[in-house]
C-alpha atoms as a PDB file:
ATOM      1  CA  MET A   1     114.489 150.437  24.727  1.00  0.00           C
ATOM      2  CA  ARG A   2     113.401 147.869  27.265  1.00  0.00           C
ATOM      3  CA  CYS A   3     112.169 148.392  30.816  1.00  0.00           C
ATOM      4  CA  LEU A   4     114.842 147.994  33.437  1.00  0.00           C
ATOM      5  CA  ARG A   5     112.553 146.092  35.776  1.00  0.00           C
ATOM      6  CA  CYS A   6     110.207 143.961  33.656  1.00  0.00           C
ATOM      7  CA  SER A   7     112.127 143.898  30.291  1.00  0.00           C
ATOM      8  CA  ARG A   8     109.058 144.799  28.201  1.00  0.00           C
ATOM      9  CA  LYS A   9     109.615 147.007  25.173  1.00  0.00           C
ATOM     10  CA  VAL A  10     108.966 150.722  25.964  1.00  0.00           C
ATOM     11  CA  GLU A  11     107.210 152.284  22.977  1.00  0.00           C
ATOM     12  CA  PRO A  12     108.030 155.837  21.890  1.00  0.00           C
ATOM     13  CA  THR A  13     105.819 158.719  23.112  1.00  0.00           C
ATOM     14  CA  VAL A  14     102.911 159.389  20.711  1.00  0.00           C
ATOM     15  CA  HIS A  15     101.686 162.994  20.274  1.00  0.00           C
ATOM     16  CA  THR A  16      98.295 163.594  18.765  1.00  0.00           C
ATOM     17  CA  ASN A  17      95.943 166.590  18.549  1.00  0.00           C
ATOM     18  CA  ARG A  18      93.971 165.119  21.475  1.00  0.00           C
ATOM     19  CA  GLY A  19      96.806 164.360  23.793  1.00  0.00           C
ATOM     20  CA  THR A  20      99.961 162.413  24.503  1.00  0.00           C
ATOM     21  CA  ARG A  21     100.552 158.736  25.226  1.00  0.00           C
ATOM     22  CA  VAL A  22     103.607 158.113  27.258  1.00  0.00           C
ATOM     23  CA  ASP A  23     104.761 154.464  27.618  1.00  0.00           C
ATOM     24  CA  GLY A  24     107.911 154.989  29.614  1.00  0.00           C
ATOM     25  CA  TYR A  25     110.526 157.253  31.120  1.00  0.00           C
ATOM     26  CA  ARG A  26     114.328 157.515  30.549  1.00  0.00           C
ATOM     27  CA  LEU A  27     116.930 158.065  33.117  1.00  0.00           C
ATOM     28  CA  HIS A  28     120.242 159.565  31.820  1.00  0.00           C
ATOM     29  CA  THR A  29     123.035 158.884  34.328  1.00  0.00           C
ATOM     30  CA  GLY A  30     126.508 157.475  34.629  1.00  0.00           C
ATOM     31  CA  LYS A  31     129.890 158.088  36.205  1.00  0.00           C
ATOM     32  CA  VAL A  32     130.916 161.682  36.849  1.00  0.00           C
ATOM     33  CA  LYS A  33     134.137 163.452  37.277  1.00  0.00           C
ATOM     34  CA  LEU A  34     134.999 166.787  38.897  1.00  0.00           C
ATOM     35  CA  VAL A  35     136.102 169.440  36.356  1.00  0.00           C
ATOM     36  CA  GLU A  36     137.668 172.833  37.076  1.00  0.00           C
ATOM     37  CA  ALA A  37     136.315 175.580  34.910  1.00  0.00           C
ATOM     38  CA  LYS A  38     138.901 177.640  32.979  1.00  0.00           C
ATOM     39  CA  ASP A  39     136.807 180.858  33.210  1.00  0.00           C
ATOM     40  CA  ASN A  40     134.830 180.954  36.392  1.00  0.00           C
ATOM     41  CA  ALA A  41     133.523 184.511  35.823  1.00  0.00           C
ATOM     42  CA  ASN A  42     130.360 183.117  34.198  1.00  0.00           C
ATOM     43  CA  GLY A  43     129.828 180.076  36.327  1.00  0.00           C
ATOM     44  CA  PRO A  44     131.001 177.837  39.197  1.00  0.00           C
ATOM     45  CA  PRO A  45     134.754 177.189  39.573  1.00  0.00           C
ATOM     46  CA  THR A  46     134.154 173.364  39.561  1.00  0.00           C
ATOM     47  CA  TYR A  47     131.363 171.227  38.306  1.00  0.00           C
ATOM     48  CA  LEU A  48     130.494 167.535  37.837  1.00  0.00           C
ATOM     49  CA  GLN A  49     130.737 166.223  34.264  1.00  0.00           C
ATOM     50  CA  LEU A  50     129.111 163.060  33.089  1.00  0.00           C
ATOM     51  CA  SER A  51     131.996 160.941  31.945  1.00  0.00           C
ATOM     52  CA  ASP A  52     130.371 157.583  31.198  1.00  0.00           C
ATOM     53  CA  PRO A  53     126.811 158.298  30.115  1.00  0.00           C
ATOM     54  CA  GLN A  54     124.196 155.501  30.289  1.00  0.00           C
ATOM     55  CA  GLU A  55     120.460 155.488  29.602  1.00  0.00           C
ATOM     56  CA  PHE A  56     117.890 153.358  31.316  1.00  0.00           C
ATOM     57  CA  ALA A  57     114.213 153.045  30.663  1.00  0.00           C
ATOM     58  CA  LEU A  58     111.258 152.351  32.958  1.00  0.00           C
ATOM     59  CA  CYS A  59     107.789 151.478  31.624  1.00  0.00           C
ATOM     60  CA  VAL A  60     104.668 153.208  32.876  1.00  0.00           C
ATOM     61  CA  ASP A  61     103.550 150.040  34.681  1.00  0.00           C
ATOM     62  CA  CYS A  62     106.693 149.790  36.801  1.00  0.00           C
ATOM     63  CA  PHE A  63     106.803 153.560  37.187  1.00  0.00           C
ATOM     64  CA  GLY A  64     103.343 153.351  38.653  1.00  0.00           C
ATOM     65  CA  ARG A  65     104.632 151.548  41.698  1.00  0.00           C
ATOM     66  CA  THR A  66     105.068 154.170  44.415  1.00  0.00           C
ATOM     67  CA  GLU A  67     108.347 152.784  45.826  1.00  0.00           C
ATOM     68  CA  ILE A  68     110.007 152.689  42.361  1.00  0.00           C
ATOM     69  CA  ARG A  69     108.662 156.101  41.350  1.00  0.00           C
ATOM     70  CA  GLU A  70     109.961 157.754  44.499  1.00  0.00           C
ATOM     71  CA  VAL A  71     113.473 156.461  43.938  1.00  0.00           C
ATOM     72  CA  TRP A  72     113.366 157.226  40.167  1.00  0.00           C
ATOM     73  CA  LEU A  73     112.226 160.883  40.754  1.00  0.00           C
ATOM     74  CA  HIS A  74     113.840 161.950  43.966  1.00  0.00           C
ATOM     75  CA  LYS A  75     117.276 160.261  44.121  1.00  0.00           C
ATOM     76  CA  TYR A  76     120.385 160.814  42.049  1.00  0.00           C
ATOM     77  CA  LEU A  77     120.957 157.192  41.095  1.00  0.00           C
ATOM     78  CA  ALA A  78     124.446 155.885  40.498  1.00  0.00           C
ATOM     79  CA  VAL A  79     124.761 153.023  37.921  1.00  0.00           C
ATOM     80  CA  GLU A  80     125.323 150.580  40.786  1.00  0.00           C
ATOM     81  CA  GLN A  81     122.094 151.697  42.579  1.00  0.00           C
ATOM     82  CA  ILE A  82     120.089 151.153  39.411  1.00  0.00           C
ATOM     83  CA  GLU A  83     120.683 147.374  39.665  1.00  0.00           C
ATOM     84  CA  ALA A  84     118.692 147.424  42.929  1.00  0.00           C
ATOM     85  CA  LEU A  85     115.566 148.552  40.998  1.00  0.00           C
ATOM     86  CA  LYS A  86     115.567 145.386  38.932  1.00  0.00           C
ATOM     87  CA  ASN A  87     113.129 142.544  39.917  1.00  0.00           C
END
């Protein structure tokens, strides 16, 4: 995957016996639709279902920027809002 902001390649996470090297983070989002549950005894009567899933990546360098990290971690981003994170 490539970083949404700077377009550099985001390498996979590497696990070793001494630690972990993370090169980026993924955001799984997309359009949602309201679904009515058939059996609401075990859960909510309605819920939001991801109907058009999309994945985005952000490298650790861009994630290190406070203003980007705050949006990435604390907002529920719609696909349209993700465009605003680009350079």
